[in-house]
PDB file of N, CA and C in Angstrom:
ATOM      1  N   MET A   1     145.935 102.345  91.623  1.00  0.00           N
ATOM      2  CA  MET A   1     145.921 103.047  92.907  1.00  0.00           C
ATOM      3  C   MET A   1     144.592 103.534  93.046  1.00  0.00           C
ATOM      4  N   LYS A   2     144.062 103.139  94.318  1.00  0.00           N
ATOM      5  CA  LYS A   2     142.583 103.715  94.697  1.00  0.00           C
ATOM      6  C   LYS A   2     142.735 105.205  95.321  1.00  0.00           C
ATOM      7  N   ASN A   3     141.643 106.003  95.099  1.00  0.00           N
ATOM      8  CA  ASN A   3     141.658 107.076  95.712  1.00  0.00           C
ATOM      9  C   ASN A   3     141.109 106.968  97.130  1.00  0.00           C
ATOM     10  N   PRO A   4     141.667 107.484  98.054  1.00  0.00           N
ATOM     11  CA  PRO A   4     140.970 107.295  99.561  1.00  0.00           C
ATOM     12  C   PRO A   4     139.889 108.271  99.436  1.00  0.00           C
ATOM     13  N   ARG A   5     138.855 107.813 100.206  1.00  0.00           N
ATOM     14  CA  ARG A   5     137.625 108.665 100.359  1.00  0.00           C
ATOM     15  C   ARG A   5     137.690 109.585 101.411  1.00  0.00           C
ATOM     16  N   LYS A   6     137.367 110.766 100.881  1.00  0.00           N
ATOM     17  CA  LYS A   6     137.333 112.114 101.815  1.00  0.00           C
ATOM     18  C   LYS A   6     136.112 111.823 102.787  1.00  0.00           C
ATOM     19  N   GLU A   7     136.321 111.583 104.198  1.00  0.00           N
ATOM     20  CA  GLU A   7     135.325 111.803 104.970  1.00  0.00           C
ATOM     21  C   GLU A   7     134.925 113.249 105.552  1.00  0.00           C
ATOM     22  N   LYS A   8     133.554 113.519 105.485  1.00  0.00           N
ATOM     23  CA  LYS A   8     133.228 114.680 105.819  1.00  0.00           C
ATOM     24  C   LYS A   8     132.907 114.622 107.456  1.00  0.00           C
ATOM     25  N   PRO A   9     133.237 115.632 108.063  1.00  0.00           N
ATOM     26  CA  PRO A   9     132.763 115.692 109.466  1.00  0.00           C
ATOM     27  C   PRO A   9     131.394 115.863 109.809  1.00  0.00           C
ATOM     28  N   VAL A  10     130.896 114.952 110.853  1.00  0.00           N
ATOM     29  CA  VAL A  10     129.353 115.043 110.945  1.00  0.00           C
ATOM     30  C   VAL A  10     129.095 116.202 111.940  1.00  0.00           C
ATOM     31  N   PRO A  11     127.941 116.994 111.326  1.00  0.00           N
ATOM     32  CA  PRO A  11     127.896 118.267 112.287  1.00  0.00           C
ATOM     33  C   PRO A  11     127.113 117.717 113.643  1.00  0.00           C
ATOM     34  N   VAL A  12     127.488 118.429 114.608  1.00  0.00           N
ATOM     35  CA  VAL A  12     126.866 118.057 115.876  1.00  0.00           C
ATOM     36  C   VAL A  12     125.620 118.976 116.126  1.00  0.00           C
ATOM     37  N   ILE A  13     124.584 118.259 116.485  1.00  0.00           N
ATOM     38  CA  ILE A  13     123.178 119.147 116.671  1.00  0.00           C
ATOM     39  C   ILE A  13     123.090 118.923 118.176  1.00  0.00           C
ATOM     40  N   GLN A  14     122.956 120.345 118.590  1.00  0.00           N
ATOM     41  CA  GLN A  14     122.521 120.532 119.979  1.00  0.00           C
ATOM     42  C   GLN A  14     121.167 120.612 120.306  1.00  0.00           C
ATOM     43  N   THR A  15     120.560 119.751 121.231  1.00  0.00           N
ATOM     44  CA  THR A  15     119.267 119.803 121.361  1.00  0.00           C
ATOM     45  C   THR A  15     118.933 120.238 122.890  1.00  0.00           C
ATOM     46  N   ALA A  16     117.896 121.239 123.149  1.00  0.00           N
ATOM     47  CA  ALA A  16     117.563 121.737 124.609  1.00  0.00           C
ATOM     48  C   ALA A  16     116.970 120.426 125.282  1.00  0.00           C
ATOM     49  N   GLN A  17     117.204 120.546 126.511  1.00  0.00           N
ATOM     50  CA  GLN A  17     116.530 119.415 127.498  1.00  0.00           C
ATOM     51  C   GLN A  17     115.424 120.186 127.891  1.00  0.00           C
ATOM     52  N   ILE A  18     114.241 119.585 127.672  1.00  0.00           N
ATOM     53  CA  ILE A  18     112.907 120.041 128.373  1.00  0.00           C
ATOM     54  C   ILE A  18     112.407 119.211 129.376  1.00  0.00           C
ATOM     55  N   LYS A  19     112.077 119.748 130.629  1.00  0.00           N
ATOM     56  CA  LYS A  19     111.485 118.992 131.445  1.00  0.00           C
ATOM     57  C   LYS A  19     110.032 118.810 131.330  1.00  0.00           C
ATOM     58  N   THR A  20     109.475 117.526 131.376  1.00  0.00           N
ATOM     59  CA  THR A  20     108.215 117.295 131.012  1.00  0.00           C
ATOM     60  C   THR A  20     107.173 117.335 132.376  1.00  0.00           C
ATOM     61  N   THR A  21     107.768 117.481 133.487  1.00  0.00           N
ATOM     62  CA  THR A  21     106.927 117.395 134.763  1.00  0.00           C
ATOM     63  C   THR A  21     107.634 118.580 135.646  1.00  0.00           C
ATOM     64  N   PRO A  22     106.628 119.411 136.094  1.00  0.00           N
ATOM     65  CA  PRO A  22     107.131 120.675 136.950  1.00  0.00           C
ATOM     66  C   PRO A  22     107.843 119.973 138.177  1.00  0.00           C
ATOM     67  N   ASP A  23     108.740 120.925 138.738  1.00  0.00           N
ATOM     68  CA  ASP A  23     109.435 120.578 139.940  1.00  0.00           C
ATOM     69  C   ASP A  23     108.543 120.179 141.146  1.00  0.00           C
ATOM     70  N   LYS A  24     107.380 121.143 141.364  1.00  0.00           N
ATOM     71  CA  LYS A  24     106.473 121.215 142.188  1.00  0.00           C
ATOM     72  C   LYS A  24     105.161 120.970 141.832  1.00  0.00           C
ATOM     73  N   ILE A  25     104.316 119.968 141.997  1.00  0.00           N
ATOM     74  CA  ILE A  25     102.945 119.971 141.544  1.00  0.00           C
ATOM     75  C   ILE A  25     102.018 120.545 142.622  1.00  0.00           C
ATOM     76  N   LYS A  26     101.326 121.428 142.102  1.00  0.00           N
ATOM     77  CA  LYS A  26     100.554 122.187 143.004  1.00  0.00           C
ATOM     78  C   LYS A  26      99.147 121.387 143.408  1.00  0.00           C
ATOM     79  N   PRO A  27      98.744 121.134 144.627  1.00  0.00           N
ATOM     80  CA  PRO A  27      97.628 120.308 144.885  1.00  0.00           C
ATOM     81  C   PRO A  27      96.500 121.097 144.660  1.00  0.00           C
ATOM     82  N   PRO A  28      95.232 120.368 144.109  1.00  0.00           N
ATOM     83  CA  PRO A  28      93.961 121.214 143.677  1.00  0.00           C
ATOM     84  C   PRO A  28      93.593 121.805 145.184  1.00  0.00           C
ATOM     85  N   SER A  29      92.787 123.213 144.838  1.00  0.00           N
ATOM     86  CA  SER A  29      92.116 123.626 145.915  1.00  0.00           C
ATOM     87  C   SER A  29      91.057 122.987 146.389  1.00  0.00           C
ATOM     88  N   ASP A  30      90.492 123.323 147.388  1.00  0.00           N
ATOM     89  CA  ASP A  30      89.383 122.711 147.982  1.00  0.00           C
ATOM     90  C   ASP A  30      88.111 122.748 147.241  1.00  0.00           C
ATOM     91  N   GLU A  31      87.841 123.679 146.638  1.00  0.00           N
ATOM     92  CA  GLU A  31      86.850 123.892 145.788  1.00  0.00           C
ATOM     93  C   GLU A  31      86.888 122.887 144.550  1.00  0.00           C
ATOM     94  N   ILE A  32      87.974 122.661 143.954  1.00  0.00           N
ATOM     95  CA  ILE A  32      87.980 121.775 142.767  1.00  0.00           C
ATOM     96  C   ILE A  32      88.121 120.277 143.289  1.00  0.00           C
ATOM     97  N   ARG A  33      88.610 120.066 144.587  1.00  0.00           N
ATOM     98  CA  ARG A  33      88.597 119.069 145.170  1.00  0.00           C
ATOM     99  C   ARG A  33      87.102 118.401 145.397  1.00  0.00           C
ATOM    100  N   LEU A  34      86.258 119.361 145.908  1.00  0.00           N
ATOM    101  CA  LEU A  34      84.649 119.187 146.181  1.00  0.00           C
ATOM    102  C   LEU A  34      84.033 118.910 144.705  1.00  0.00           C
ATOM    103  N   ARG A  35      84.400 119.639 143.735  1.00  0.00           N
ATOM    104  CA  ARG A  35      83.667 119.492 142.669  1.00  0.00           C
ATOM    105  C   ARG A  35      84.162 117.830 142.015  1.00  0.00           C
ATOM    106  N   ILE A  36      85.293 117.717 142.160  1.00  0.00           N
ATOM    107  CA  ILE A  36      85.850 116.356 141.578  1.00  0.00           C
ATOM    108  C   ILE A  36      84.932 115.003 142.278  1.00  0.00           C
ATOM    109  N   GLU A  37      85.009 115.425 143.681  1.00  0.00           N
ATOM    110  CA  GLU A  37      84.024 114.374 144.310  1.00  0.00           C
ATOM    111  C   GLU A  37      82.667 114.280 143.971  1.00  0.00           C
ATOM    112  N   ALA A  38      81.978 115.500 143.652  1.00  0.00           N
ATOM    113  CA  ALA A  38      80.549 115.432 143.278  1.00  0.00           C
ATOM    114  C   ALA A  38      80.304 114.880 142.035  1.00  0.00           C
ATOM    115  N   VAL A  39      81.268 115.109 141.174  1.00  0.00           N
ATOM    116  CA  VAL A  39      81.280 114.364 139.794  1.00  0.00           C
ATOM    117  C   VAL A  39      81.305 112.826 139.752  1.00  0.00           C
ATOM    118  N   LYS A  40      82.374 112.413 140.688  1.00  0.00           N
ATOM    119  CA  LYS A  40      82.560 111.138 141.064  1.00  0.00           C
ATOM    120  C   LYS A  40      81.348 110.209 141.568  1.00  0.00           C
ATOM    121  N   GLN A  41      80.403 111.126 142.386  1.00  0.00           N
ATOM    122  CA  GLN A  41      79.386 110.404 143.183  1.00  0.00           C
ATOM    123  C   GLN A  41      78.160 110.457 142.216  1.00  0.00           C
ATOM    124  N   ARG A  42      78.119 111.238 141.310  1.00  0.00           N
ATOM    125  CA  ARG A  42      77.091 111.486 140.096  1.00  0.00           C
ATOM    126  C   ARG A  42      76.846 109.913 139.538  1.00  0.00           C
ATOM    127  N   GLN A  43      75.405 109.591 139.370  1.00  0.00           N
ATOM    128  CA  GLN A  43      75.092 108.155 138.878  1.00  0.00           C
ATOM    129  C   GLN A  43      75.116 108.713 137.259  1.00  0.00           C
ATOM    130  N   ALA A  44      75.256 107.685 136.316  1.00  0.00           N
ATOM    131  CA  ALA A  44      75.205 107.941 135.022  1.00  0.00           C
ATOM    132  C   ALA A  44      73.586 108.107 134.641  1.00  0.00           C
ATOM    133  N   GLN A  45      73.228 108.679 133.917  1.00  0.00           N
ATOM    134  CA  GLN A  45      71.902 109.033 133.205  1.00  0.00           C
ATOM    135  C   GLN A  45      71.645 107.819 132.592  1.00  0.00           C
ATOM    136  N   PRO A  46      70.476 107.245 132.718  1.00  0.00           N
ATOM    137  CA  PRO A  46      70.215 106.082 131.566  1.00  0.00           C
ATOM    138  C   PRO A  46      69.811 106.541 130.469  1.00  0.00           C
ATOM    139  N   GLU A  47      70.173 105.842 129.218  1.00  0.00           N
ATOM    140  CA  GLU A  47      69.904 106.327 127.822  1.00  0.00           C
ATOM    141  C   GLU A  47      68.164 106.008 127.667  1.00  0.00           C
ATOM    142  N   PRO A  48      67.659 106.900 126.882  1.00  0.00           N
ATOM    143  CA  PRO A  48      66.393 106.405 126.600  1.00  0.00           C
ATOM    144  C   PRO A  48      66.150 105.305 125.777  1.00  0.00           C
ATOM    145  N   ASP A  49      65.211 104.351 126.128  1.00  0.00           N
ATOM    146  CA  ASP A  49      65.007 103.311 125.285  1.00  0.00           C
ATOM    147  C   ASP A  49      64.303 103.704 124.016  1.00  0.00           C
ATOM    148  N   ILE A  50      64.963 103.528 123.065  1.00  0.00           N
ATOM    149  CA  ILE A  50      64.319 103.775 121.596  1.00  0.00           C
ATOM    150  C   ILE A  50      64.230 102.398 120.796  1.00  0.00           C
ATOM    151  N   LYS A  51      63.155 101.968 120.429  1.00  0.00           N
ATOM    152  CA  LYS A  51      62.970 100.692 119.673  1.00  0.00           C
ATOM    153  C   LYS A  51      63.348 101.052 118.303  1.00  0.00           C
ATOM    154  N   GLN A  52      64.209 100.457 117.709  1.00  0.00           N
ATOM    155  CA  GLN A  52      64.627 100.374 116.286  1.00  0.00           C
ATOM    156  C   GLN A  52      63.901  99.628 115.390  1.00  0.00           C
ATOM    157  N   PHE A  53      63.222  98.524 115.998  1.00  0.00           N
ATOM    158  CA  PHE A  53      62.200  97.539 115.460  1.00  0.00           C
ATOM    159  C   PHE A  53      61.402  96.804 116.330  1.00  0.00           C
ATOM    160  N   GLU A  54      60.318  96.516 115.875  1.00  0.00           N
ATOM    161  CA  GLU A  54      59.401  95.343 116.732  1.00  0.00           C
ATOM    162  C   GLU A  54      59.480  94.242 116.015  1.00  0.00           C
ATOM    163  N   TYR A  55      59.585  93.020 116.901  1.00  0.00           N
ATOM    164  CA  TYR A  55      59.580  91.831 116.526  1.00  0.00           C
ATOM    165  C   TYR A  55      58.402  90.874 116.778  1.00  0.00           C
ATOM    166  N   ASP A  56      57.789  90.585 115.720  1.00  0.00           N
ATOM    167  CA  ASP A  56      56.608  89.691 115.809  1.00  0.00           C
ATOM    168  C   ASP A  56      56.876  88.446 115.124  1.00  0.00           C
ATOM    169  N   PRO A  57      57.019  87.176 115.605  1.00  0.00           N
ATOM    170  CA  PRO A  57      57.557  86.024 114.947  1.00  0.00           C
ATOM    171  C   PRO A  57      56.590  85.557 113.728  1.00  0.00           C
ATOM    172  N   ASP A  58      55.455  86.024 113.816  1.00  0.00           N
ATOM    173  CA  ASP A  58      54.422  85.820 112.771  1.00  0.00           C
ATOM    174  C   ASP A  58      54.527  86.798 111.674  1.00  0.00           C
ATOM    175  N   GLN A  59      55.112  87.871 111.671  1.00  0.00           N
ATOM    176  CA  GLN A  59      55.249  88.920 110.642  1.00  0.00           C
ATOM    177  C   GLN A  59      56.876  89.335 110.386  1.00  0.00           C
ATOM    178  N   PRO A  60      57.023  89.559 109.077  1.00  0.00           N
ATOM    179  CA  PRO A  60      58.364  89.998 108.812  1.00  0.00           C
ATOM    180  C   PRO A  60      58.819  91.440 109.580  1.00  0.00           C
ATOM    181  N   LEU A  61      60.073  91.574 109.566  1.00  0.00           N
ATOM    182  CA  LEU A  61      60.591  92.704 110.405  1.00  0.00           C
ATOM    183  C   LEU A  61      60.145  93.901 109.804  1.00  0.00           C
ATOM    184  N   HIS A  62      59.780  95.306 110.402  1.00  0.00           N
ATOM    185  CA  HIS A  62      59.729  96.337 109.722  1.00  0.00           C
ATOM    186  C   HIS A  62      60.039  97.418 110.641  1.00  0.00           C
ATOM    187  N   LEU A  63      60.749  98.355 110.193  1.00  0.00           N
ATOM    188  CA  LEU A  63      61.273  99.489 110.729  1.00  0.00           C
ATOM    189  C   LEU A  63      60.303 100.422 111.233  1.00  0.00           C
ATOM    190  N   VAL A  64      60.306 100.857 112.554  1.00  0.00           N
ATOM    191  CA  VAL A  64      59.509 101.926 113.212  1.00  0.00           C
ATOM    192  C   VAL A  64      60.074 103.378 112.769  1.00  0.00           C
ATOM    193  N   SER A  65      59.150 104.087 112.157  1.00  0.00           N
ATOM    194  CA  SER A  65      59.459 105.518 111.765  1.00  0.00           C
ATOM    195  C   SER A  65      59.711 106.219 113.043  1.00  0.00           C
ATOM    196  N   LYS A  66      60.447 107.385 113.120  1.00  0.00           N
ATOM    197  CA  LYS A  66      60.685 108.157 114.230  1.00  0.00           C
ATOM    198  C   LYS A  66      59.584 108.918 114.632  1.00  0.00           C
ATOM    199  N   ASP A  67      58.613 109.314 113.657  1.00  0.00           N
ATOM    200  CA  ASP A  67      57.484 109.837 114.067  1.00  0.00           C
ATOM    201  C   ASP A  67      56.361 109.100 114.804  1.00  0.00           C
ATOM    202  N   LYS A  68      56.331 107.834 114.253  1.00  0.00           N
ATOM    203  CA  LYS A  68      55.337 106.806 114.770  1.00  0.00           C
ATOM    204  C   LYS A  68      55.822 106.261 116.150  1.00  0.00           C
ATOM    205  N   LYS A  69      54.986 106.597 117.224  1.00  0.00           N
ATOM    206  CA  LYS A  69      55.348 106.009 118.572  1.00  0.00           C
ATOM    207  C   LYS A  69      54.260 105.020 119.119  1.00  0.00           C
ATOM    208  N   ASN A  70      54.417 103.968 119.693  1.00  0.00           N
ATOM    209  CA  ASN A  70      53.479 103.087 120.240  1.00  0.00           C
ATOM    210  C   ASN A  70      52.343 103.665 121.108  1.00  0.00           C
TER     211      ASN A  70
END
């Protein structure tokens, strides 16, 4: 005769429900809105042109040192 397995009760875990978005989203103030618009209208700053090497087809490649400028 087989022994019947005793089933253990499964514990119930209660979790809290958390709202991820607020009920009312406050619009940004005029000052913040003006600052955002100013940032959007700004143009990107060009990166400085730094030569890593100079190419001469008649010469092998040479790295240019940081202190040496053309």
